[in-house]
Structures are given as C-alpha cells and as structure tokens.
Protein backbone atom coordinates (compact mmCIF):
# COMPACT_ATOMS: atom_id res chain seq x y z
CA MET A 1 52.61 17.67 -231.44
CA ARG A 2 50.17 20.32 -230.35
CA PHE A 3 51.12 23.96 -229.97
CA MET A 4 49.17 26.93 -228.71
CA ILE A 5 49.78 30.28 -230.37
CA MET A 6 48.76 32.84 -227.76
CA VAL A 7 48.04 36.46 -228.57
CA ARG A 8 49.34 38.57 -225.71
CA ALA A 9 46.88 41.15 -224.40
CA ASN A 10 47.40 44.87 -224.63
CA ALA A 11 45.45 47.98 -223.60
CA LEU A 12 43.22 47.64 -226.68
CA SER A 13 42.23 44.02 -226.00
CA GLU A 14 41.71 44.78 -222.30
CA SER A 15 39.46 47.75 -223.10
CA GLY A 16 36.71 45.37 -224.16
CA GLU A 17 36.16 47.27 -227.41
CA THR A 18 36.17 45.06 -230.47
CA PRO A 19 38.52 46.43 -233.12
CA ASN A 20 37.04 47.98 -236.25
CA ASP A 21 39.70 46.75 -238.66
CA PRO A 22 38.25 44.76 -241.59
CA GLU A 23 41.75 44.25 -243.07
CA MET A 24 43.01 42.62 -239.85
CA PHE A 25 39.96 40.33 -239.69
CA ALA A 26 40.45 39.37 -243.35
CA GLN A 27 44.11 38.53 -242.73
CA MET A 28 43.19 36.45 -239.66
CA ALA A 29 40.48 34.62 -241.62
CA THR A 30 42.92 33.87 -244.46
CA TYR A 31 45.57 32.61 -242.04
CA HIS A 32 43.13 30.32 -240.24
CA GLU A 33 41.70 29.06 -243.54
CA GLU A 34 45.27 28.12 -244.54
CA LEU A 35 45.74 26.29 -241.23
CA ALA A 36 42.46 24.42 -241.80
CA LYS A 37 43.40 23.56 -245.40
CA ALA A 38 46.71 22.15 -244.17
CA GLY A 39 44.81 20.05 -241.62
CA VAL A 40 46.62 21.50 -238.60
CA LEU A 41 43.95 23.80 -237.07
CA LEU A 42 42.36 22.41 -233.90
CA ASP A 43 40.72 25.54 -232.46
CA ALA A 44 40.99 29.33 -232.33
CA SER A 45 39.24 32.13 -230.50
CA GLY A 46 39.60 35.52 -228.93
CA LEU A 47 39.08 36.04 -225.22
CA HIS A 48 37.00 38.65 -223.43
CA PRO A 49 39.04 41.14 -221.35
CA SER A 50 40.18 40.17 -217.87
CA SER A 51 37.61 42.53 -216.36
CA ARG A 52 35.02 39.89 -217.28
CA GLY A 53 37.06 37.01 -215.90
CA PHE A 54 38.24 35.63 -212.62
CA ARG A 55 41.06 33.56 -211.22
CA VAL A 56 41.07 30.80 -208.67
CA ARG A 57 44.01 31.30 -206.31
CA TYR A 58 45.08 28.41 -204.09
CA THR A 59 46.60 28.98 -200.67
CA ASP A 60 47.45 25.85 -198.70
CA GLY A 61 45.36 23.90 -201.24
CA LYS A 62 42.22 25.99 -200.62
CA PRO A 63 40.64 27.89 -203.53
CA ALA A 64 39.67 31.57 -203.41
CA ILE A 65 38.04 33.48 -206.26
CA VAL A 66 39.71 36.70 -207.44
CA ASP A 67 37.67 38.79 -209.86
CA GLY A 68 39.28 40.67 -212.75
CA PRO A 69 40.45 43.00 -214.09
CA PHE A 70 44.07 42.05 -213.72
CA THR A 71 46.60 44.85 -213.95
CA GLU A 72 49.58 43.05 -215.48
CA THR A 73 48.38 43.28 -219.08
CA LYS A 74 51.68 41.88 -220.40
CA GLU A 75 50.90 38.61 -218.62
CA LEU A 76 47.40 38.23 -220.06
CA ILE A 77 46.20 36.36 -223.14
CA ALA A 78 43.77 37.99 -225.60
CA GLY A 79 43.26 35.00 -227.88
CA TYR A 80 44.71 31.73 -229.08
CA THR A 81 45.09 29.35 -231.98
CA LEU A 82 45.63 25.67 -231.27
CA ILE A 83 47.45 23.66 -233.93
CA GLN A 84 48.67 20.08 -234.34
CA VAL A 85 51.83 19.72 -236.39
CA ARG A 86 54.63 17.21 -236.93
CA SER A 87 57.47 19.24 -235.39
CA ARG A 88 58.53 22.36 -233.51
CA ASP A 89 59.96 23.71 -236.77
CA GLU A 90 56.57 23.39 -238.46
CA ALA A 91 54.96 25.25 -235.53
CA LEU A 92 57.60 27.95 -235.89
CA GLU A 93 56.84 28.33 -239.59
CA TRP A 94 53.11 28.73 -238.92
CA ALA A 95 53.85 31.23 -236.13
CA ARG A 96 55.98 33.33 -238.49
CA ARG A 97 52.97 33.61 -240.80
CA PHE A 98 50.59 34.74 -238.01
CA PRO A 99 49.20 38.19 -238.95
CA ALA A 100 49.81 41.18 -236.68
CA PRO A 101 47.22 40.40 -233.99
CA PHE A 102 45.98 43.96 -233.55
CA GLY A 103 46.52 45.18 -237.10
CA LYS A 104 49.59 46.74 -238.63
CA HIS A 105 49.25 50.04 -236.73
CA THR A 106 49.21 48.59 -233.19
CA ASP A 107 52.07 46.70 -231.58
CA GLY A 108 51.36 43.14 -230.63
CA GLU A 109 53.03 39.94 -229.59
CA ILE A 110 52.31 36.24 -229.81
CA GLU A 111 53.78 33.44 -227.74
CA VAL A 112 53.95 29.82 -228.86
CA ARG A 113 54.03 26.94 -226.39
CA GLN A 114 53.89 23.19 -226.87
CA LEU A 115 51.16 21.33 -225.03
CA TYR A 116 52.03 18.34 -222.90
CA GLU A 117 50.81 14.99 -224.12
CA LEU A 118 49.94 12.21 -221.69
CA GLU A 119 52.92 10.24 -223.05
CA ASP A 120 55.21 12.97 -221.62
CA PHE A 121 54.37 11.84 -218.06
CA GLU A 122 55.40 8.75 -216.14
CA PRO A 123 52.56 6.22 -216.20
CA CYS A 124 50.41 6.21 -213.08
CA GLU A 125 46.79 5.58 -212.15
CA GLY A 126 45.77 9.24 -212.57
CA ILE A 127 47.35 9.51 -216.03
CA GLU A 128 45.61 6.29 -217.10
CA ARG A 129 42.24 7.61 -215.88
CA PHE A 130 42.78 10.89 -217.67
CA GLY A 131 43.71 9.04 -220.87
CA ALA A 132 40.58 6.90 -220.65
CA LEU A 133 38.45 10.02 -220.18
CA LEU A 134 40.01 11.72 -223.22
CA GLU A 135 39.53 8.60 -225.32
CA LYS A 136 35.87 8.41 -224.26
CA GLU A 137 35.37 12.08 -225.24
CA ARG A 138 37.03 11.54 -228.64
CA ASN A 139 34.82 8.53 -229.36
CA ALA A 140 31.69 10.48 -228.37
CA LYS A 141 32.35 13.07 -231.09
C-alpha cells in the first residue's frame, strides 16, 4: 500500500523563502533516514511556491493554463513524502512521527492519503495498457 504524506502550504512556504532552521532540516533528515532504513521510503521532496507553478483547468474537456500564485494557501501542498507500507495503521504510525514541517515555532499540517493501485479499478483496456507501461518503466530501471 502506498501513501503520500503531504505537507500543507502556509504563508512561509508560499513566500518562496527557504527556511533557515538547521534543527528542522536535521529532524527531517533523521525521519527520512528512518523511513529508508525501514525500507518504506519511495520518494520525498519540497515544492516551489505556487507563484512558480501553473494549473491546467478543463472546461468542456478543453485545457486552459492558469498561472500561479494561487490564493487558497490552505489548499496547496508544500512538499510530500511517498511511502510503501503494509497497512493503513503502519502509515498512521509513520505519519505520527513526521517532524513539525515548518519547525516547532510555526504551525503546520500534514495530510496522508492512500494512492490508488491499478488493482483497485475494474479491468479494462486502458488499465491494462497503463499496467504494461508501468511494468516497462520498472524493468528499465
């Protein structure tokens, strides 16, 4: 089971200034080292602020580009950690250990969501093609 631990954005992360908090970075490094040691870490990274991003909005199936910044900070993601664990309970335990994402002096929030697996969907031609593509990518690595 794969889960994404998402760090919710705040004014600090949206400012584009990188935090100067060696203690926070040390705690994050330790946490991610523990994930790696346990064999559950798949990926992790911070995201640039929404002012450097864009969205693709679809109206009647047609795409339109909308440049950032986006004003609803509470709906934005500042970073993520992707893990693969045996159960939701295990994901919950790792999430409880996640360090304060902006240091102990700034409020923060994380959200944890399970990723869909291809097996969660009814078999169809598109799912089979997607599965074959993923398998090809795995074998190429």
